[in-house]
Amino acid sequence: MPEPLRALLLFAFAGLAEIGGGWLVWQWLRESRPWPWGMVGGLVLVAYGIIPTFQDSAHFGRVYAAYGGVFIVMSLVWGRLFDGFEADRWDVLGAVVALAGVLIICFGPRDG
């Protein structure tokens, strides 16, 4: 699998784990769902902490900075699919800018 595709898939899996785990905890604490929702959410959040370690980059800060941009986009999509949130043009513009940052961070030319 080409490295850019592999990197993007790992970002997507990490995003699903972080957003999904956070959403489950939110449902437990804010929407009075049963405690197993929070337990599963916590386990999914642990998986989120593990998934980015499979990225090829040896630089924690770079991986997490790039992931932050992916997280922004995925959070808006999650909100639309699960909470009926409607992103406005400023949300969309911010997401596009964040994705541009991801591409620069991940694939920009490096000195040395």
PDB file of N, CA and C in Angstrom:
ATOM      1  N   MET A   1       0.856  -1.171   0.000  1.00  0.00           N
ATOM      2  CA  MET A   1       0.000   0.000   0.000  1.00  0.00           C
ATOM      3  C   MET A   1       0.905   1.239   0.000  1.00  0.00           C
ATOM      4  N   PRO A   2       0.618   2.215  -0.847  1.00  0.00           N
ATOM      5  CA  PRO A   2       1.433   3.435  -0.864  1.00  0.00           C
ATOM      6  C   PRO A   2       1.371   4.154   0.491  1.00  0.00           C
ATOM      7  N   GLU A   3       2.511   4.712   0.905  1.00  0.00           N
ATOM      8  CA  GLU A   3       2.604   5.337   2.225  1.00  0.00           C
ATOM      9  C   GLU A   3       1.577   6.448   2.455  1.00  0.00           C
ATOM     10  N   PRO A   4       1.327   7.347   1.482  1.00  0.00           N
ATOM     11  CA  PRO A   4       0.307   8.377   1.756  1.00  0.00           C
ATOM     12  C   PRO A   4      -1.075   7.782   2.052  1.00  0.00           C
ATOM     13  N   LEU A   5      -1.447   6.727   1.340  1.00  0.00           N
ATOM     14  CA  LEU A   5      -2.746   6.095   1.587  1.00  0.00           C
ATOM     15  C   LEU A   5      -2.754   5.428   2.961  1.00  0.00           C
ATOM     16  N   ARG A   6      -1.672   4.736   3.295  1.00  0.00           N
ATOM     17  CA  ARG A   6      -1.571   4.084   4.602  1.00  0.00           C
ATOM     18  C   ARG A   6      -1.675   5.127   5.718  1.00  0.00           C
ATOM     19  N   ALA A   7      -0.960   6.247   5.570  1.00  0.00           N
ATOM     20  CA  ALA A   7      -0.988   7.306   6.583  1.00  0.00           C
ATOM     21  C   ALA A   7      -2.399   7.851   6.747  1.00  0.00           C
ATOM     22  N   LEU A   8      -3.085   8.096   5.641  1.00  0.00           N
ATOM     23  CA  LEU A   8      -4.446   8.640   5.722  1.00  0.00           C
ATOM     24  C   LEU A   8      -5.416   7.648   6.352  1.00  0.00           C
ATOM     25  N   LEU A   9      -5.252   6.365   6.040  1.00  0.00           N
ATOM     26  CA  LEU A   9      -6.117   5.350   6.664  1.00  0.00           C
ATOM     27  C   LEU A   9      -5.887   5.276   8.176  1.00  0.00           C
ATOM     28  N   LEU A  10      -4.622   5.347   8.590  1.00  0.00           N
ATOM     29  CA  LEU A  10      -4.348   5.342  10.032  1.00  0.00           C
ATOM     30  C   LEU A  10      -4.939   6.573  10.703  1.00  0.00           C
ATOM     31  N   PHE A  11      -4.836   7.734  10.048  1.00  0.00           N
ATOM     32  CA  PHE A  11      -5.461   8.938  10.601  1.00  0.00           C
ATOM     33  C   PHE A  11      -6.974   8.744  10.716  1.00  0.00           C
ATOM     34  N   ALA A  12      -7.571   8.135   9.702  1.00  0.00           N
ATOM     35  CA  ALA A  12      -9.022   7.917   9.723  1.00  0.00           C
ATOM     36  C   ALA A  12      -9.413   6.971  10.861  1.00  0.00           C
ATOM     37  N   PHE A  13      -8.674   5.887  11.035  1.00  0.00           N
ATOM     38  CA  PHE A  13      -8.976   4.945  12.122  1.00  0.00           C
ATOM     39  C   PHE A  13      -8.790   5.607  13.485  1.00  0.00           C
ATOM     40  N   ALA A  14      -7.717   6.378  13.624  1.00  0.00           N
ATOM     41  CA  ALA A  14      -7.495   7.084  14.886  1.00  0.00           C
ATOM     42  C   ALA A  14      -8.629   8.073  15.140  1.00  0.00           C
ATOM     43  N   GLY A  15      -9.053   8.767  14.100  1.00  0.00           N
ATOM     44  CA  GLY A  15     -10.145   9.728  14.242  1.00  0.00           C
ATOM     45  C   GLY A  15     -11.439   9.066  14.672  1.00  0.00           C
ATOM     46  N   LEU A  16     -11.749   7.947  14.038  1.00  0.00           N
ATOM     47  CA  LEU A  16     -12.964   7.226  14.423  1.00  0.00           C
ATOM     48  C   LEU A  16     -12.890   6.761  15.875  1.00  0.00           C
ATOM     49  N   ALA A  17     -11.718   6.312  16.282  1.00  0.00           N
ATOM     50  CA  ALA A  17     -11.571   5.848  17.667  1.00  0.00           C
ATOM     51  C   ALA A  17     -11.702   7.012  18.652  1.00  0.00           C
ATOM     52  N   GLU A  18     -11.044   8.132  18.357  1.00  0.00           N
ATOM     53  CA  GLU A  18     -11.124   9.250  19.308  1.00  0.00           C
ATOM     54  C   GLU A  18     -12.526   9.846  19.357  1.00  0.00           C
ATOM     55  N   ILE A  19     -13.089  10.103  18.206  1.00  0.00           N
ATOM     56  CA  ILE A  19     -14.420  10.715  18.177  1.00  0.00           C
ATOM     57  C   ILE A  19     -15.468   9.735  18.687  1.00  0.00           C
ATOM     58  N   GLY A  20     -15.383   8.486  18.254  1.00  0.00           N
ATOM     59  CA  GLY A  20     -16.351   7.478  18.706  1.00  0.00           C
ATOM     60  C   GLY A  20     -16.261   7.232  20.200  1.00  0.00           C
ATOM     61  N   GLY A  21     -15.036   7.116  20.717  1.00  0.00           N
ATOM     62  CA  GLY A  21     -14.862   6.912  22.156  1.00  0.00           C
ATOM     63  C   GLY A  21     -15.349   8.112  22.955  1.00  0.00           C
ATOM     64  N   GLY A  22     -15.001   9.295  22.491  1.00  0.00           N
ATOM     65  CA  GLY A  22     -15.459  10.506  23.167  1.00  0.00           C
ATOM     66  C   GLY A  22     -16.970  10.640  23.138  1.00  0.00           C
ATOM     67  N   TRP A  23     -17.567  10.275  22.003  1.00  0.00           N
ATOM     68  CA  TRP A  23     -19.019  10.344  21.868  1.00  0.00           C
ATOM     69  C   TRP A  23     -19.703   9.360  22.822  1.00  0.00           C
ATOM     70  N   LEU A  24     -19.138   8.162  22.952  1.00  0.00           N
ATOM     71  CA  LEU A  24     -19.716   7.188  23.885  1.00  0.00           C
ATOM     72  C   LEU A  24     -19.641   7.685  25.325  1.00  0.00           C
ATOM     73  N   VAL A  25     -18.515   8.273  25.713  1.00  0.00           N
ATOM     74  CA  VAL A  25     -18.397   8.831  27.063  1.00  0.00           C
ATOM     75  C   VAL A  25     -19.385   9.983  27.234  1.00  0.00           C
ATOM     76  N   TRP A  26     -19.501  10.825  26.222  1.00  0.00           N
ATOM     77  CA  TRP A  26     -20.468  11.940  26.260  1.00  0.00           C
ATOM     78  C   TRP A  26     -21.883  11.390  26.465  1.00  0.00           C
ATOM     79  N   GLN A  27     -22.240  10.353  25.720  1.00  0.00           N
ATOM     80  CA  GLN A  27     -23.569   9.764  25.851  1.00  0.00           C
ATOM     81  C   GLN A  27     -23.801   9.247  27.267  1.00  0.00           C
ATOM     82  N   TRP A  28     -22.788   8.633  27.844  1.00  0.00           N
ATOM     83  CA  TRP A  28     -22.897   8.103  29.204  1.00  0.00           C
ATOM     84  C   TRP A  28     -23.092   9.228  30.218  1.00  0.00           C
ATOM     85  N   LEU A  29     -22.231  10.248  30.153  1.00  0.00           N
ATOM     86  CA  LEU A  29     -22.267  11.288  31.182  1.00  0.00           C
ATOM     87  C   LEU A  29     -23.301  12.374  30.928  1.00  0.00           C
ATOM     88  N   ARG A  30     -23.511  12.731  29.677  1.00  0.00           N
ATOM     89  CA  ARG A  30     -24.403  13.860  29.384  1.00  0.00           C
ATOM     90  C   ARG A  30     -25.819  13.441  29.002  1.00  0.00           C
ATOM     91  N   GLU A  31     -25.944  12.229  28.470  1.00  0.00           N
ATOM     92  CA  GLU A  31     -27.260  11.774  27.995  1.00  0.00           C
ATOM     93  C   GLU A  31     -27.800  10.620  28.830  1.00  0.00           C
ATOM     94  N   SER A  32     -27.163  10.353  29.955  1.00  0.00           N
ATOM     95  CA  SER A  32     -27.611   9.344  30.923  1.00  0.00           C
ATOM     96  C   SER A  32     -27.727   7.938  30.342  1.00  0.00           C
ATOM     97  N   ARG A  33     -26.821   7.600  29.456  1.00  0.00           N
ATOM     98  CA  ARG A  33     -26.775   6.209  28.964  1.00  0.00           C
ATOM     99  C   ARG A  33     -26.180   5.333  30.068  1.00  0.00           C
ATOM    100  N   PRO A  34     -26.412   4.024  30.003  1.00  0.00           N
ATOM    101  CA  PRO A  34     -25.866   3.125  31.035  1.00  0.00           C
ATOM    102  C   PRO A  34     -24.328   3.165  31.066  1.00  0.00           C
ATOM    103  N   TRP A  35     -23.751   2.830  32.219  1.00  0.00           N
ATOM    104  CA  TRP A  35     -22.303   2.898  32.405  1.00  0.00           C
ATOM    105  C   TRP A  35     -21.490   2.113  31.385  1.00  0.00           C
ATOM    106  N   PRO A  36     -22.003   0.986  30.820  1.00  0.00           N
ATOM    107  CA  PRO A  36     -21.178   0.304  29.808  1.00  0.00           C
ATOM    108  C   PRO A  36     -20.828   1.193  28.608  1.00  0.00           C
ATOM    109  N   TRP A  37     -21.669   2.174  28.317  1.00  0.00           N
ATOM    110  CA  TRP A  37     -21.337   3.108  27.230  1.00  0.00           C
ATOM    111  C   TRP A  37     -20.020   3.814  27.554  1.00  0.00           C
ATOM    112  N   GLY A  38     -19.870   4.274  28.789  1.00  0.00           N
ATOM    113  CA  GLY A  38     -18.645   4.939  29.202  1.00  0.00           C
ATOM    114  C   GLY A  38     -17.450   4.002  29.214  1.00  0.00           C
ATOM    115  N   MET A  39     -17.668   2.765  29.654  1.00  0.00           N
ATOM    116  CA  MET A  39     -16.592   1.769  29.686  1.00  0.00           C
ATOM    117  C   MET A  39     -16.082   1.483  28.271  1.00  0.00           C
ATOM    118  N   VAL A  40     -17.003   1.235  27.361  1.00  0.00           N
ATOM    119  CA  VAL A  40     -16.608   0.978  25.972  1.00  0.00           C
ATOM    120  C   VAL A  40     -15.930   2.220  25.389  1.00  0.00           C
ATOM    121  N   GLY A  41     -16.478   3.389  25.696  1.00  0.00           N
ATOM    122  CA  GLY A  41     -15.864   4.626  25.223  1.00  0.00           C
ATOM    123  C   GLY A  41     -14.426   4.757  25.703  1.00  0.00           C
ATOM    124  N   GLY A  42     -14.176   4.430  26.959  1.00  0.00           N
ATOM    125  CA  GLY A  42     -12.824   4.483  27.503  1.00  0.00           C
ATOM    126  C   GLY A  42     -11.880   3.525  26.797  1.00  0.00           C
ATOM    127  N   LEU A  43     -12.352   2.321  26.515  1.00  0.00           N
ATOM    128  CA  LEU A  43     -11.528   1.342  25.801  1.00  0.00           C
ATOM    129  C   LEU A  43     -11.229   1.800  24.371  1.00  0.00           C
ATOM    130  N   VAL A  44     -12.225   2.380  23.731  1.00  0.00           N
ATOM    131  CA  VAL A  44     -12.017   2.890  22.377  1.00  0.00           C
ATOM    132  C   VAL A  44     -11.008   4.040  22.403  1.00  0.00           C
ATOM    133  N   LEU A  45     -11.056   4.875  23.430  1.00  0.00           N
ATOM    134  CA  LEU A  45     -10.080   5.960  23.552  1.00  0.00           C
ATOM    135  C   LEU A  45      -8.659   5.428  23.770  1.00  0.00           C
ATOM    136  N   VAL A  46      -8.524   4.315  24.467  1.00  0.00           N
ATOM    137  CA  VAL A  46      -7.207   3.683  24.601  1.00  0.00           C
ATOM    138  C   VAL A  46      -6.718   3.226  23.222  1.00  0.00           C
ATOM    139  N   ALA A  47      -7.605   2.646  22.426  1.00  0.00           N
ATOM    140  CA  ALA A  47      -7.232   2.239  21.065  1.00  0.00           C
ATOM    141  C   ALA A  47      -6.774   3.448  20.264  1.00  0.00           C
ATOM    142  N   TYR A  48      -7.458   4.575  20.451  1.00  0.00           N
ATOM    143  CA  TYR A  48      -7.044   5.802  19.771  1.00  0.00           C
ATOM    144  C   TYR A  48      -5.593   6.154  20.118  1.00  0.00           C
ATOM    145  N   GLY A  49      -5.198   5.966  21.355  1.00  0.00           N
ATOM    146  CA  GLY A  49      -3.835   6.265  21.757  1.00  0.00           C
ATOM    147  C   GLY A  49      -2.805   5.350  21.133  1.00  0.00           C
ATOM    148  N   ILE A  50      -3.226   4.168  20.746  1.00  0.00           N
ATOM    149  CA  ILE A  50      -2.312   3.184  20.162  1.00  0.00           C
ATOM    150  C   ILE A  50      -2.180   3.346  18.652  1.00  0.00           C
ATOM    151  N   ILE A  51      -3.269   3.604  17.976  1.00  0.00           N
ATOM    152  CA  ILE A  51      -3.284   3.613  16.505  1.00  0.00           C
ATOM    153  C   ILE A  51      -2.234   4.544  15.896  1.00  0.00           C
ATOM    154  N   PRO A  52      -2.068   5.780  16.371  1.00  0.00           N
ATOM    155  CA  PRO A  52      -1.071   6.649  15.733  1.00  0.00           C
ATOM    156  C   PRO A  52       0.367   6.137  15.831  1.00  0.00           C
ATOM    157  N   THR A  53       0.646   5.220  16.759  1.00  0.00           N
ATOM    158  CA  THR A  53       2.010   4.701  16.864  1.00  0.00           C
ATOM    159  C   THR A  53       2.393   3.862  15.656  1.00  0.00           C
ATOM    160  N   PHE A  54       1.434   3.507  14.823  1.00  0.00           N
ATOM    161  CA  PHE A  54       1.714   2.729  13.617  1.00  0.00           C
ATOM    162  C   PHE A  54       2.116   3.612  12.427  1.00  0.00           C
ATOM    163  N   GLN A  55       2.094   4.922  12.602  1.00  0.00           N
ATOM    164  CA  GLN A  55       2.540   5.821  11.536  1.00  0.00           C
ATOM    165  C   GLN A  55       4.040   5.641  11.328  1.00  0.00           C
ATOM    166  N   ASP A  56       4.497   5.842  10.100  1.00  0.00           N
ATOM    167  CA  ASP A  56       5.918   5.682   9.791  1.00  0.00           C
ATOM    168  C   ASP A  56       6.792   6.763  10.416  1.00  0.00           C
ATOM    169  N   SER A  57       6.259   7.951  10.596  1.00  0.00           N
ATOM    170  CA  SER A  57       7.056   9.045  11.135  1.00  0.00           C
ATOM    171  C   SER A  57       7.500   8.727  12.561  1.00  0.00           C
ATOM    172  N   ALA A  58       8.737   9.080  12.859  1.00  0.00           N
ATOM    173  CA  ALA A  58       9.263   8.882  14.208  1.00  0.00           C
ATOM    174  C   ALA A  58       8.997  10.093  15.095  1.00  0.00           C
ATOM    175  N   HIS A  59       8.317  11.095  14.575  1.00  0.00           N
ATOM    176  CA  HIS A  59       8.131  12.354  15.283  1.00  0.00           C
ATOM    177  C   HIS A  59       6.707  12.479  15.819  1.00  0.00           C
ATOM    178  N   PHE A  60       6.567  12.280  17.123  1.00  0.00           N
ATOM    179  CA  PHE A  60       5.263  12.351  17.781  1.00  0.00           C
ATOM    180  C   PHE A  60       4.544  13.655  17.460  1.00  0.00           C
ATOM    181  N   GLY A  61       5.223  14.768  17.614  1.00  0.00           N
ATOM    182  CA  GLY A  61       4.592  16.075  17.402  1.00  0.00           C
ATOM    183  C   GLY A  61       4.057  16.243  16.001  1.00  0.00           C
ATOM    184  N   ARG A  62       4.811  15.780  15.011  1.00  0.00           N
ATOM    185  CA  ARG A  62       4.368  15.905  13.619  1.00  0.00           C
ATOM    186  C   ARG A  62       3.131  15.043  13.373  1.00  0.00           C
ATOM    187  N   VAL A  63       3.156  13.820  13.856  1.00  0.00           N
ATOM    188  CA  VAL A  63       2.016  12.919  13.658  1.00  0.00           C
ATOM    189  C   VAL A  63       0.764  13.509  14.302  1.00  0.00           C
ATOM    190  N   TYR A  64       0.870  13.973  15.531  1.00  0.00           N
ATOM    191  CA  TYR A  64      -0.306  14.483  16.224  1.00  0.00           C
ATOM    192  C   TYR A  64      -0.762  15.834  15.689  1.00  0.00           C
ATOM    193  N   ALA A  65       0.166  16.642  15.212  1.00  0.00           N
ATOM    194  CA  ALA A  65      -0.227  17.917  14.598  1.00  0.00           C
ATOM    195  C   ALA A  65      -1.034  17.654  13.329  1.00  0.00           C
ATOM    196  N   ALA A  66      -0.555  16.738  12.507  1.00  0.00           N
ATOM    197  CA  ALA A  66      -1.287  16.402  11.278  1.00  0.00           C
ATOM    198  C   ALA A  66      -2.623  15.761  11.612  1.00  0.00           C
ATOM    199  N   TYR A  67      -2.617  14.882  12.598  1.00  0.00           N
ATOM    200  CA  TYR A  67      -3.866  14.233  12.989  1.00  0.00           C
ATOM    201  C   TYR A  67      -4.911  15.256  13.427  1.00  0.00           C
ATOM    202  N   GLY A  68      -4.466  16.342  14.055  1.00  0.00           N
ATOM    203  CA  GLY A  68      -5.402  17.370  14.504  1.00  0.00           C
ATOM    204  C   GLY A  68      -6.260  17.909  13.373  1.00  0.00           C
ATOM    205  N   GLY A  69      -5.676  18.103  12.211  1.00  0.00           N
ATOM    206  CA  GLY A  69      -6.438  18.578  11.054  1.00  0.00           C
ATOM    207  C   GLY A  69      -7.463  17.557  10.584  1.00  0.00           C
ATOM    208  N   VAL A  70      -7.050  16.297  10.573  1.00  0.00           N
ATOM    209  CA  VAL A  70      -7.983  15.230  10.191  1.00  0.00           C
ATOM    210  C   VAL A  70      -9.123  15.162  11.204  1.00  0.00           C
ATOM    211  N   PHE A  71      -8.795  15.311  12.482  1.00  0.00           N
ATOM    212  CA  PHE A  71      -9.798  15.269  13.537  1.00  0.00           C
ATOM    213  C   PHE A  71     -10.852  16.361  13.344  1.00  0.00           C
ATOM    214  N   ILE A  72     -10.437  17.553  12.943  1.00  0.00           N
ATOM    215  CA  ILE A  72     -11.382  18.653  12.714  1.00  0.00           C
ATOM    216  C   ILE A  72     -12.426  18.242  11.681  1.00  0.00           C
ATOM    217  N   VAL A  73     -11.973  17.723  10.573  1.00  0.00           N
ATOM    218  CA  VAL A  73     -12.900  17.333   9.498  1.00  0.00           C
ATOM    219  C   VAL A  73     -13.799  16.196   9.963  1.00  0.00           C
ATOM    220  N   MET A  74     -13.205  15.183  10.574  1.00  0.00           N
ATOM    221  CA  MET A  74     -14.002  14.034  11.001  1.00  0.00           C
ATOM    222  C   MET A  74     -15.014  14.417  12.072  1.00  0.00           C
ATOM    223  N   SER A  75     -14.672  15.360  12.936  1.00  0.00           N
ATOM    224  CA  SER A  75     -15.616  15.810  13.966  1.00  0.00           C
ATOM    225  C   SER A  75     -16.842  16.464  13.342  1.00  0.00           C
ATOM    226  N   LEU A  76     -16.623  17.259  12.310  1.00  0.00           N
ATOM    227  CA  LEU A  76     -17.762  17.893  11.629  1.00  0.00           C
ATOM    228  C   LEU A  76     -18.642  16.853  10.941  1.00  0.00           C
ATOM    229  N   VAL A  77     -18.015  15.868  10.311  1.00  0.00           N
ATOM    230  CA  VAL A  77     -18.782  14.805   9.654  1.00  0.00           C
ATOM    231  C   VAL A  77     -19.538  13.978  10.696  1.00  0.00           C
ATOM    232  N   TRP A  78     -18.872  13.621  11.784  1.00  0.00           N
ATOM    233  CA  TRP A  78     -19.525  12.855  12.856  1.00  0.00           C
ATOM    234  C   TRP A  78     -20.736  13.612  13.382  1.00  0.00           C
ATOM    235  N   GLY A  79     -20.550  14.908  13.645  1.00  0.00           N
ATOM    236  CA  GLY A  79     -21.655  15.725  14.143  1.00  0.00           C
ATOM    237  C   GLY A  79     -22.845  15.718  13.205  1.00  0.00           C
ATOM    238  N   ARG A  80     -22.571  15.748  11.926  1.00  0.00           N
ATOM    239  CA  ARG A  80     -23.663  15.709  10.927  1.00  0.00           C
ATOM    240  C   ARG A  80     -24.376  14.363  10.941  1.00  0.00           C
ATOM    241  N   LEU A  81     -23.604  13.291  10.970  1.00  0.00           N
ATOM    242  CA  LEU A  81     -24.197  11.953  10.878  1.00  0.00           C
ATOM    243  C   LEU A  81     -24.926  11.524  12.147  1.00  0.00           C
ATOM    244  N   PHE A  82     -24.387  11.893  13.320  1.00  0.00           N
ATOM    245  CA  PHE A  82     -24.929  11.359  14.569  1.00  0.00           C
ATOM    246  C   PHE A  82     -25.695  12.371  15.409  1.00  0.00           C
ATOM    247  N   ASP A  83     -25.468  13.660  15.191  1.00  0.00           N
ATOM    248  CA  ASP A  83     -26.131  14.662  16.023  1.00  0.00           C
ATOM    249  C   ASP A  83     -26.931  15.682  15.226  1.00  0.00           C
ATOM    250  N   GLY A  84     -26.974  15.545  13.906  1.00  0.00           N
ATOM    251  CA  GLY A  84     -27.740  16.479  13.093  1.00  0.00           C
ATOM    252  C   GLY A  84     -27.129  17.863  13.002  1.00  0.00           C
ATOM    253  N   PHE A  85     -25.850  18.010  13.325  1.00  0.00           N
ATOM    254  CA  PHE A  85     -25.162  19.294  13.273  1.00  0.00           C
ATOM    255  C   PHE A  85     -24.961  19.717  11.819  1.00  0.00           C
ATOM    256  N   GLU A  86     -25.277  20.955  11.529  1.00  0.00           N
ATOM    257  CA  GLU A  86     -25.095  21.509  10.185  1.00  0.00           C
ATOM    258  C   GLU A  86     -23.897  22.453  10.187  1.00  0.00           C
ATOM    259  N   ALA A  87     -22.824  22.057   9.527  1.00  0.00           N
ATOM    260  CA  ALA A  87     -21.653  22.928   9.424  1.00  0.00           C
ATOM    261  C   ALA A  87     -22.004  24.122   8.545  1.00  0.00           C
ATOM    262  N   ASP A  88     -21.540  25.305   8.956  1.00  0.00           N
ATOM    263  CA  ASP A  88     -21.758  26.473   8.104  1.00  0.00           C
ATOM    264  C   ASP A  88     -20.515  26.691   7.232  1.00  0.00           C
ATOM    265  N   ARG A  89     -20.528  27.726   6.428  1.00  0.00           N
ATOM    266  CA  ARG A  89     -19.426  27.941   5.484  1.00  0.00           C
ATOM    267  C   ARG A  89     -18.112  28.175   6.208  1.00  0.00           C
ATOM    268  N   TRP A  90     -18.147  28.746   7.411  1.00  0.00           N
ATOM    269  CA  TRP A  90     -16.930  28.989   8.166  1.00  0.00           C
ATOM    270  C   TRP A  90     -16.365  27.689   8.724  1.00  0.00           C
ATOM    271  N   ASP A  91     -17.242  26.785   9.125  1.00  0.00           N
ATOM    272  CA  ASP A  91     -16.785  25.461   9.556  1.00  0.00           C
ATOM    273  C   ASP A  91     -16.097  24.747   8.397  1.00  0.00           C
ATOM    274  N   VAL A  92     -16.727  24.807   7.233  1.00  0.00           N
ATOM    275  CA  VAL A  92     -16.172  24.132   6.054  1.00  0.00           C
ATOM    276  C   VAL A  92     -14.842  24.770   5.659  1.00  0.00           C
ATOM    277  N   LEU A  93     -14.776  26.092   5.640  1.00  0.00           N
ATOM    278  CA  LEU A  93     -13.531  26.771   5.300  1.00  0.00           C
ATOM    279  C   LEU A  93     -12.425  26.390   6.289  1.00  0.00           C
ATOM    280  N   GLY A  94     -12.754  26.385   7.558  1.00  0.00           N
ATOM    281  CA  GLY A  94     -11.766  25.988   8.565  1.00  0.00           C
ATOM    282  C   GLY A  94     -11.277  24.565   8.349  1.00  0.00           C
ATOM    283  N   ALA A  95     -12.184  23.663   7.983  1.00  0.00           N
ATOM    284  CA  ALA A  95     -11.805  22.272   7.721  1.00  0.00           C
ATOM    285  C   ALA A  95     -10.887  22.174   6.507  1.00  0.00           C
ATOM    286  N   VAL A  96     -11.168  22.938   5.470  1.00  0.00           N
ATOM    287  CA  VAL A  96     -10.312  22.935   4.273  1.00  0.00           C
ATOM    288  C   VAL A  96      -8.914  23.445   4.622  1.00  0.00           C
ATOM    289  N   VAL A  97      -8.850  24.518   5.383  1.00  0.00           N
ATOM    290  CA  VAL A  97      -7.549  25.059   5.805  1.00  0.00           C
ATOM    291  C   VAL A  97      -6.800  24.020   6.646  1.00  0.00           C
ATOM    292  N   ALA A  98      -7.504  23.350   7.545  1.00  0.00           N
ATOM    293  CA  ALA A  98      -6.873  22.328   8.378  1.00  0.00           C
ATOM    294  C   ALA A  98      -6.327  21.186   7.523  1.00  0.00           C
ATOM    295  N   LEU A  99      -7.086  20.759   6.519  1.00  0.00           N
ATOM    296  CA  LEU A  99      -6.614  19.684   5.638  1.00  0.00           C
ATOM    297  C   LEU A  99      -5.405  20.124   4.825  1.00  0.00           C
ATOM    298  N   ALA A 100      -5.385  21.369   4.401  1.00  0.00           N
ATOM    299  CA  ALA A 100      -4.197  21.878   3.707  1.00  0.00           C
ATOM    300  C   ALA A 100      -2.992  21.782   4.635  1.00  0.00           C
ATOM    301  N   GLY A 101      -3.184  22.111   5.899  1.00  0.00           N
ATOM    302  CA  GLY A 101      -2.106  21.987   6.881  1.00  0.00           C
ATOM    303  C   GLY A 101      -1.639  20.554   7.042  1.00  0.00           C
ATOM    304  N   VAL A 102      -2.575  19.619   7.053  1.00  0.00           N
ATOM    305  CA  VAL A 102      -2.222  18.199   7.151  1.00  0.00           C
ATOM    306  C   VAL A 102      -1.317  17.802   5.993  1.00  0.00           C
ATOM    307  N   LEU A 103      -1.694  18.191   4.788  1.00  0.00           N
ATOM    308  CA  LEU A 103      -0.901  17.826   3.615  1.00  0.00           C
ATOM    309  C   LEU A 103       0.501  18.424   3.680  1.00  0.00           C
ATOM    310  N   ILE A 104       0.591  19.666   4.118  1.00  0.00           N
ATOM    311  CA  ILE A 104       1.900  20.309   4.243  1.00  0.00           C
ATOM    312  C   ILE A 104       2.749  19.612   5.295  1.00  0.00           C
ATOM    313  N   ILE A 105       2.156  19.336   6.451  1.00  0.00           N
ATOM    314  CA  ILE A 105       2.895  18.693   7.538  1.00  0.00           C
ATOM    315  C   ILE A 105       3.362  17.292   7.137  1.00  0.00           C
ATOM    316  N   CYS A 106       2.480  16.530   6.519  1.00  0.00           N
ATOM    317  CA  CYS A 106       2.801  15.135   6.198  1.00  0.00           C
ATOM    318  C   CYS A 106       3.703  14.986   4.983  1.00  0.00           C
ATOM    319  N   PHE A 107       3.463  15.777   3.964  1.00  0.00           N
ATOM    320  CA  PHE A 107       4.100  15.499   2.679  1.00  0.00           C
ATOM    321  C   PHE A 107       4.962  16.639   2.138  1.00  0.00           C
ATOM    322  N   GLY A 108       5.129  17.692   2.932  1.00  0.00           N
ATOM    323  CA  GLY A 108       5.979  18.792   2.494  1.00  0.00           C
ATOM    324  C   GLY A 108       7.431  18.367   2.433  1.00  0.00           C
ATOM    325  N   PRO A 109       8.207  19.019   1.561  1.00  0.00           N
ATOM    326  CA  PRO A 109       9.636  18.666   1.473  1.00  0.00           C
ATOM    327  C   PRO A 109      10.345  19.009   2.777  1.00  0.00           C
ATOM    328  N   ARG A 110      11.271  18.191   3.146  1.00  0.00           N
ATOM    329  CA  ARG A 110      12.010  18.356   4.396  1.00  0.00           C
ATOM    330  C   ARG A 110      13.464  18.701   4.079  1.00  0.00           C
ATOM    331  N   ASP A 111      14.021  19.551   4.904  1.00  0.00           N
ATOM    332  CA  ASP A 111      15.446  19.857   4.807  1.00  0.00           C
ATOM    333  C   ASP A 111      16.215  18.769   5.528  1.00  0.00           C
ATOM    334  N   GLY A 112      17.061  18.091   4.787  1.00  0.00           N
ATOM    335  CA  GLY A 112      17.952  17.081   5.386  1.00  0.00           C
ATOM    336  C   GLY A 112      17.270  15.924   5.844  1.00  0.00           C
TER     337      GLY A 112
END
